[in-house]
């Protein structure tokens, strides 16, 4: 099935934003995350708003031909709707088979951040750069390894963007060659947001950890924030893995992956203030207008849930002075624990604690 993409334009590199970070061979890592010995590609003060052009890896990978012009042309995408920076990264950047798939932009030094502080990343705007995305199942890495994909080749399903009732939706064929489609709402977010780990070794881009990275928490839409424990001086933040939509679990391996222009505010929360507001954070914490969202991470899903419960208890104790036994009782009665993803080697669970349940 070919989708009609006429009338759409691409958000190509370049903007008049005051502080702008493009994704170029000089500003990205392909398949690895920054570490403490990496030099920043941008340095800002706390509170600075940065516009970042992020790139999806879909259409760039070797098993897709590492030629986004050819890959997307097969889906009927005209040249002007293929991103120039995607073409350049695919042609000029290198990655080994041992590296992850993600194009990671950064690191960004946030001057004055120190270990013990928190880095807060506020998501101010997320603009789709193209009117399409890709959902992939490959290498036995989804929730049903050994069953899907059915053959040896990677399966990359092309999805288009359409407008329905004034909102953007994703459009996906219901069967190969069929004109029947499924439509689902878009809710863009960045799957990768993190800080550098200490030491000289760059982590693989797939498994998330205390540093954040590929946490794939779909709640991180516009108007939310991610808090991360700083591990090296100046934090050395980075972003990537843009999504147009994802279901909790991300069971195929990827969700609707597509490039976004992200407008983000990077702020340092000093250690004393961080302890007063959140206690000792040992991993990523998402903050939305409705929820405090502690996370739990482990290769074992049961352990990931246990980590999320412990993080939730400690957060309730620190922020609201709640007795730990009562905190556990509250969580059991009132809090949903959702599966973030089960496909990134290290699985994720996140809790949704309603802030309205607690008085001032």
Protein backbone atom coordinates (compact mmCIF):
# COMPACT_ATOMS: atom_id res chain seq x y z
CA UNK A 1 0.00 0.00 0.00
CA UNK A 2 1.28 3.49 -0.91
CA UNK A 3 0.30 6.44 1.25
CA UNK A 4 -0.40 9.90 -0.14
CA UNK A 5 2.26 12.19 1.36
CA UNK A 6 1.53 15.16 -0.85
CA UNK A 7 0.99 18.41 1.00
CA UNK A 8 3.52 17.60 3.72
CA UNK A 9 6.89 19.25 4.23
CA UNK A 10 9.96 18.03 6.11
CA UNK A 11 11.64 19.93 8.94
CA UNK A 12 15.15 19.95 7.52
CA UNK A 13 18.22 20.99 9.58
CA UNK A 14 18.53 24.64 10.52
CA UNK A 15 16.49 26.96 12.74
CA UNK A 16 16.59 30.45 14.18
CA UNK A 17 16.34 29.09 17.74
CA UNK A 18 18.72 30.89 20.12
CA UNK A 19 20.48 27.65 21.14
CA UNK A 20 20.37 24.90 18.53
CA UNK A 21 22.02 21.48 18.30
CA UNK A 22 21.79 19.66 14.95
CA UNK A 23 22.46 15.97 14.44
CA UNK A 24 25.62 15.79 12.34
CA UNK A 25 28.53 13.34 12.19
CA UNK A 26 30.31 15.75 14.58
CA UNK A 27 27.51 15.85 17.19
CA UNK A 28 26.19 12.27 17.33
CA UNK A 29 27.21 8.83 18.48
CA UNK A 30 25.69 5.92 16.56
CA UNK A 31 24.92 3.01 18.85
CA UNK A 32 26.75 4.23 21.97
CA UNK A 33 26.05 6.65 24.82
CA UNK A 34 28.45 9.34 26.05
CA UNK A 35 30.80 8.64 28.96
CA UNK A 36 32.72 10.81 31.37
CA UNK A 37 35.73 11.30 29.09
CA UNK A 38 33.72 12.55 26.11
CA UNK A 39 34.00 16.21 25.18
CA UNK A 40 30.74 18.16 24.99
CA UNK A 41 29.42 19.28 21.61
CA UNK A 42 27.51 22.08 23.34
CA UNK A 43 27.93 23.81 26.72
CA UNK A 44 25.08 25.67 28.44
CA UNK A 45 24.18 27.18 31.80
CA UNK A 46 21.47 25.74 34.02
CA UNK A 47 18.03 26.74 32.78
CA UNK A 48 19.01 27.05 29.12
CA UNK A 49 16.46 26.03 26.47
CA UNK A 50 17.99 24.01 23.63
CA UNK A 51 16.39 23.02 20.32
CA UNK A 52 17.71 19.64 19.17
CA UNK A 53 17.08 18.01 15.80
CA UNK A 54 16.92 14.31 16.67
CA UNK A 55 17.14 11.47 14.17
CA UNK A 56 15.44 8.11 14.08
CA UNK A 57 17.68 5.19 13.18
CA UNK A 58 14.97 3.56 11.07
CA UNK A 59 15.91 3.63 7.40
CA UNK A 60 19.58 4.18 8.25
CA UNK A 61 20.60 0.74 9.51
CA UNK A 62 22.74 -1.74 7.55
CA UNK A 63 19.95 -4.35 7.42
CA UNK A 64 17.83 -1.66 5.74
CA UNK A 65 20.57 -0.78 3.25
CA UNK A 66 22.09 2.16 5.19
CA UNK A 67 20.69 4.44 2.48
CA UNK A 68 17.61 6.37 3.65
CA UNK A 69 17.00 7.82 0.17
CA UNK A 70 16.66 4.35 -1.35
CA UNK A 71 14.86 2.84 1.65
CA UNK A 72 12.14 5.47 1.81
CA UNK A 73 11.84 5.78 -1.98
CA UNK A 74 10.63 2.16 -1.97
CA UNK A 75 7.75 3.36 0.22
CA UNK A 76 6.90 6.21 -2.14
CA UNK A 77 8.58 8.97 -0.10
CA UNK A 78 9.81 11.80 -2.36
CA UNK A 79 13.36 13.12 -1.96
CA UNK A 80 12.24 16.38 -0.32
CA UNK A 81 10.64 14.42 2.55
CA UNK A 82 13.85 12.54 3.41
CA UNK A 83 15.94 14.40 6.00
CA UNK A 84 19.30 15.72 4.81
CA UNK A 85 20.91 14.99 8.17
CA UNK A 86 19.72 11.37 8.04
CA UNK A 87 21.37 10.97 4.64
CA UNK A 88 24.59 12.47 5.92
CA UNK A 89 24.76 10.43 9.15
CA UNK A 90 24.08 7.17 7.28
CA UNK A 91 26.84 7.96 4.79
CA UNK A 92 29.51 9.40 7.07
CA UNK A 93 29.09 7.82 10.53
CA UNK A 94 30.36 4.41 11.49
CA UNK A 95 29.05 1.79 13.87
CA UNK A 96 30.05 -1.80 14.50
CA UNK A 97 27.77 -4.82 14.70
CA UNK A 98 28.35 -4.76 18.46
CA UNK A 99 26.86 -1.26 18.76
CA UNK A 100 23.23 -0.36 19.26
CA UNK A 101 21.01 1.10 16.52
CA UNK A 102 20.28 4.53 17.99
CA UNK A 103 21.53 7.90 16.76
CA UNK A 104 22.34 9.77 19.99
CA UNK A 105 22.85 13.54 19.94
CA UNK A 106 25.23 15.12 22.44
CA UNK A 107 26.74 15.30 24.95
CA UNK A 108 25.55 18.66 26.26
CA UNK A 109 27.50 20.05 29.22
CA UNK A 110 25.25 21.75 31.78
CA UNK A 111 27.81 23.83 33.61
CA UNK A 112 27.90 23.47 37.37
CA UNK A 113 26.21 20.05 37.59
CA UNK A 114 28.02 17.74 40.00
CA UNK A 115 27.55 14.13 41.10
CA UNK A 116 24.87 14.12 43.79
CA UNK A 117 22.83 16.77 41.97
CA UNK A 118 19.90 15.99 39.70
CA UNK A 119 19.61 17.05 36.08
CA UNK A 120 16.08 18.05 35.12
CA UNK A 121 15.13 17.91 31.44
CA UNK A 122 11.84 19.70 30.72
CA UNK A 123 10.12 18.75 27.46
CA UNK A 124 8.79 22.02 26.05
CA UNK A 125 8.00 21.08 22.43
CA UNK A 126 8.25 18.06 20.11
CA UNK A 127 7.70 18.72 16.41
CA UNK A 128 7.48 15.85 13.90
CA UNK A 129 10.11 16.37 11.21
CA UNK A 130 8.57 14.00 8.64
CA UNK A 131 5.04 12.64 7.96
CA UNK A 132 5.96 8.97 8.36
CA UNK A 133 7.70 6.45 10.61
CA UNK A 134 8.77 2.82 10.79
CA UNK A 135 7.93 -0.02 13.19
CA UNK A 136 10.46 -2.87 13.15
CA UNK A 137 10.71 -6.45 14.36
CA UNK A 138 14.14 -7.98 13.94
CA UNK A 139 16.80 -10.35 15.23
CA UNK A 140 14.52 -12.24 17.62
CA UNK A 141 14.52 -9.25 19.95
CA UNK A 142 10.81 -8.52 20.45
CA UNK A 143 8.50 -9.91 23.11
CA UNK A 144 8.04 -13.11 21.05
CA UNK A 145 11.57 -14.17 20.05
CA UNK A 146 11.59 -17.36 18.05
CA UNK A 147 8.08 -16.64 16.78
CA UNK A 148 8.55 -13.26 15.13
CA UNK A 149 9.87 -12.33 12.68
CA UNK A 150 8.72 -15.45 10.87
CA UNK A 151 11.77 -15.49 8.57
CA UNK A 152 15.40 -14.52 8.80
CA UNK A 153 14.94 -10.99 7.49
CA UNK A 154 14.05 -7.93 9.53
CA UNK A 155 10.47 -6.73 9.15
CA UNK A 156 10.14 -2.94 8.84
CA UNK A 157 6.54 -1.75 8.59
CA UNK A 158 6.06 1.72 7.10
CA UNK A 159 3.48 3.94 8.83
CA UNK A 160 2.20 7.27 7.56
CA UNK A 161 0.94 10.34 9.40
CA UNK A 162 -2.55 11.67 8.72
CA UNK A 163 -4.88 14.18 10.33
CA UNK A 164 -8.20 13.21 11.87
CA UNK A 165 -10.51 15.59 13.76
CA UNK A 166 -7.71 18.14 14.02
CA UNK A 167 -5.18 15.73 15.53
CA UNK A 168 -2.30 13.78 14.00
CA UNK A 169 -2.69 10.01 13.79
CA UNK A 170 -0.56 7.13 12.62
CA UNK A 171 -1.86 5.01 9.74
CA UNK A 172 -0.83 1.38 9.34
CA UNK A 173 -1.97 -1.23 6.78
CA UNK A 174 -3.99 -4.04 8.33
CA UNK A 175 -2.59 -6.56 5.85
CA UNK A 176 0.17 -6.60 3.28
CA UNK A 177 -1.11 -5.12 0.03
CA UNK A 178 -4.45 -4.19 1.60
CA UNK A 179 -6.07 -0.76 1.43
CA UNK A 180 -7.63 -1.32 4.86
CA UNK A 181 -5.83 0.60 7.59
CA UNK A 182 -5.58 0.98 11.35
CA UNK A 183 -5.37 4.50 12.78
CA UNK A 184 -3.95 5.37 16.19
CA UNK A 185 -3.20 8.63 18.01
CA UNK A 186 0.29 10.09 17.97
CA UNK A 187 1.96 11.09 21.24
CA UNK A 188 5.58 12.02 20.41
CA UNK A 189 8.36 11.51 22.95
CA UNK A 190 12.09 10.84 23.13
CA UNK A 191 12.94 7.26 24.01
CA UNK A 192 16.51 8.20 24.97
CA UNK A 193 17.25 10.96 27.49
CA UNK A 194 20.23 10.56 29.77
CA UNK A 195 23.44 11.66 31.41
CA UNK A 196 26.96 10.33 30.90
CA UNK A 197 28.30 7.48 33.01
CA UNK A 198 31.59 7.87 34.85
CA UNK A 199 34.75 6.43 33.31
CA UNK A 200 36.12 5.97 29.79
CA UNK A 201 33.72 3.30 28.46
CA UNK A 202 30.75 4.36 26.32
CA UNK A 203 27.67 2.25 27.18
CA UNK A 204 25.72 0.37 24.53
CA UNK A 205 22.70 2.42 23.47
CA UNK A 206 20.06 -0.28 24.01
CA UNK A 207 19.86 -1.15 27.75
CA UNK A 208 18.72 1.68 30.05
CA UNK A 209 20.15 2.21 33.52
CA UNK A 210 20.56 4.66 36.41
CA UNK A 211 21.94 7.09 33.83
CA UNK A 212 18.64 6.99 31.93
CA UNK A 213 19.37 6.29 28.30
CA UNK A 214 16.88 4.13 26.40
CA UNK A 215 14.14 4.15 29.05
CA UNK A 216 11.27 4.31 26.50
CA UNK A 217 8.74 5.77 28.96
CA UNK A 218 5.95 7.03 26.71
CA UNK A 219 4.72 9.49 29.36
CA UNK A 220 7.58 11.88 28.46
CA UNK A 221 5.43 13.99 26.15
CA UNK A 222 5.34 17.79 25.98
CA UNK A 223 4.77 19.31 29.41
CA UNK A 224 6.64 16.65 31.37
CA UNK A 225 10.13 16.36 32.87
CA UNK A 226 12.79 13.73 33.44
CA UNK A 227 15.04 13.85 36.52
CA UNK A 228 18.34 11.99 36.45
CA UNK A 229 21.09 11.50 39.06
CA UNK A 230 24.19 13.32 37.77
CA UNK A 231 27.18 10.96 37.50
CA UNK A 232 29.93 13.21 36.08
CA UNK A 233 30.76 16.91 36.26
CA UNK A 234 28.56 19.01 33.95
CA UNK A 235 26.18 16.03 33.53
CA UNK A 236 26.95 15.55 29.79
CA UNK A 237 23.34 15.06 28.72
CA UNK A 238 22.15 13.53 25.46
CA UNK A 239 18.91 12.65 23.67
CA UNK A 240 17.73 10.43 20.83
CA UNK A 241 15.44 7.58 19.79
CA UNK A 242 12.50 9.82 18.81
CA UNK A 243 9.06 8.22 18.66
CA UNK A 244 5.75 9.37 17.22
CA UNK A 245 3.84 6.76 19.25
CA UNK A 246 4.40 3.72 21.46
CA UNK A 247 2.32 1.28 23.43
CA UNK A 248 3.57 0.29 26.88
CA UNK A 249 5.69 -2.80 26.35
CA UNK A 250 6.89 -1.90 22.81
CA UNK A 251 6.44 -5.59 22.05
CA UNK A 252 7.60 -5.74 18.41
CA UNK A 253 11.02 -4.27 19.31
CA UNK A 254 10.47 -0.72 18.11
CA UNK A 255 7.37 1.46 18.12
CA UNK A 256 6.54 4.16 15.54
CA UNK A 257 10.06 5.53 15.23
CA UNK A 258 10.44 8.89 13.49
CA UNK A 259 12.55 12.02 13.78
CA UNK A 260 11.54 14.93 16.04
CA UNK A 261 12.68 18.50 16.61
CA UNK A 262 12.81 18.71 20.40
CA UNK A 263 12.83 21.87 22.50
CA UNK A 264 14.21 21.05 25.95
CA UNK A 265 15.21 22.96 29.08
CA UNK A 266 18.24 21.62 30.99
CA UNK A 267 18.39 22.58 34.69
CA UNK A 268 20.49 21.52 37.66
CA UNK A 269 18.76 20.69 40.96
CA UNK A 270 21.42 20.98 43.71
CA UNK A 271 21.91 17.98 45.98
CA UNK A 272 20.34 19.59 49.08
CA UNK A 273 17.19 20.57 47.20
CA UNK A 274 17.06 17.23 45.41
CA UNK A 275 17.18 15.31 48.69
CA UNK A 276 14.42 17.45 50.20
CA UNK A 277 12.08 17.05 47.24
CA UNK A 278 12.78 13.51 46.07
CA UNK A 279 15.02 11.70 48.54
CA UNK A 280 17.91 9.68 47.16
CA UNK A 281 17.15 8.93 43.52
CA UNK A 282 18.98 5.90 42.18
CA UNK A 283 17.42 6.02 38.72
CA UNK A 284 15.24 8.05 36.37
CA UNK A 285 12.16 9.84 37.71
CA UNK A 286 9.49 11.17 35.35
CA UNK A 287 7.34 14.10 36.50
CA UNK A 288 4.06 14.93 34.77
CA UNK A 289 1.29 17.37 35.79
CA UNK A 290 -0.67 14.39 37.14
CA UNK A 291 1.92 11.88 38.27
CA UNK A 292 5.26 11.25 39.94
CA UNK A 293 6.70 8.32 38.01
CA UNK A 294 9.54 6.34 39.62
CA UNK A 295 11.12 3.67 37.44
CA UNK A 296 12.49 0.19 37.99
CA UNK A 297 14.99 -1.47 35.66
CA UNK A 298 16.30 -5.03 35.44
CA UNK A 299 16.86 -7.82 32.93
CA UNK A 300 14.26 -9.71 34.97
CA UNK A 301 10.77 -8.18 34.75
CA UNK A 302 9.86 -9.29 38.29
CA UNK A 303 12.96 -7.54 39.63
CA UNK A 304 12.17 -4.43 37.59
CA UNK A 305 8.78 -4.28 39.28
CA UNK A 306 10.37 -4.74 42.70
CA UNK A 307 12.81 -1.90 42.01
CA UNK A 308 9.93 0.35 40.94
CA UNK A 309 8.02 -0.45 44.14
CA UNK A 310 11.05 0.28 46.33
CA UNK A 311 11.73 3.53 44.48
CA UNK A 312 8.08 4.51 44.95
CA UNK A 313 8.16 3.80 48.68
CA UNK A 314 11.28 5.89 49.17
CA UNK A 315 9.87 8.75 47.09
CA UNK A 316 6.64 8.82 49.12
CA UNK A 317 8.63 8.74 52.35
CA UNK A 318 10.95 11.57 51.31
CA UNK A 319 8.46 13.87 49.58
CA UNK A 320 5.36 13.42 51.72
CA UNK A 321 6.77 12.05 54.98
CA UNK A 322 4.77 8.87 54.53
CA UNK A 323 5.49 5.89 56.75
CA UNK A 324 7.00 3.17 54.55
CA UNK A 325 4.44 0.51 55.54
CA UNK A 326 1.61 2.92 54.75
CA UNK A 327 3.36 3.88 51.52
CA UNK A 328 3.32 0.25 50.39
CA UNK A 329 -0.36 -0.02 51.32
CA UNK A 330 -1.14 3.17 49.36
CA UNK A 331 0.73 1.90 46.30
CA UNK A 332 -1.21 -1.34 46.37
CA UNK A 333 -4.54 0.46 46.61
CA UNK A 334 -4.02 3.45 44.34
CA UNK A 335 -1.02 3.23 41.99
CA UNK A 336 -0.67 1.60 38.59
CA UNK A 337 2.63 -0.08 37.78
CA UNK A 338 2.97 -0.16 34.00
CA UNK A 339 5.49 -1.98 31.82
CA UNK A 340 7.60 0.62 30.02
CA UNK A 341 9.20 -1.85 27.61
CA UNK A 342 10.30 -5.50 27.51
CA UNK A 343 12.61 -5.35 24.48
CA UNK A 344 15.72 -3.39 25.53
CA UNK A 345 17.59 -6.24 27.30
CA UNK A 346 17.04 -4.35 30.58
CA UNK A 347 13.28 -4.25 31.04
CA UNK A 348 11.43 -1.30 32.56
CA UNK A 349 8.47 -0.78 34.90
CA UNK A 350 7.17 2.62 35.95
CA UNK A 351 4.74 3.65 38.69
CA UNK A 352 2.14 6.39 38.28
CA UNK A 353 1.67 8.09 41.67
CA UNK A 354 -1.14 10.66 41.51
CA UNK A 355 0.04 13.94 43.03
CA UNK A 356 -3.60 14.95 43.63
CA UNK A 357 -3.88 12.20 46.25
CA UNK A 358 -1.68 14.22 48.62
CA UNK A 359 -2.47 17.53 50.27
CA UNK A 360 -0.02 20.42 50.07
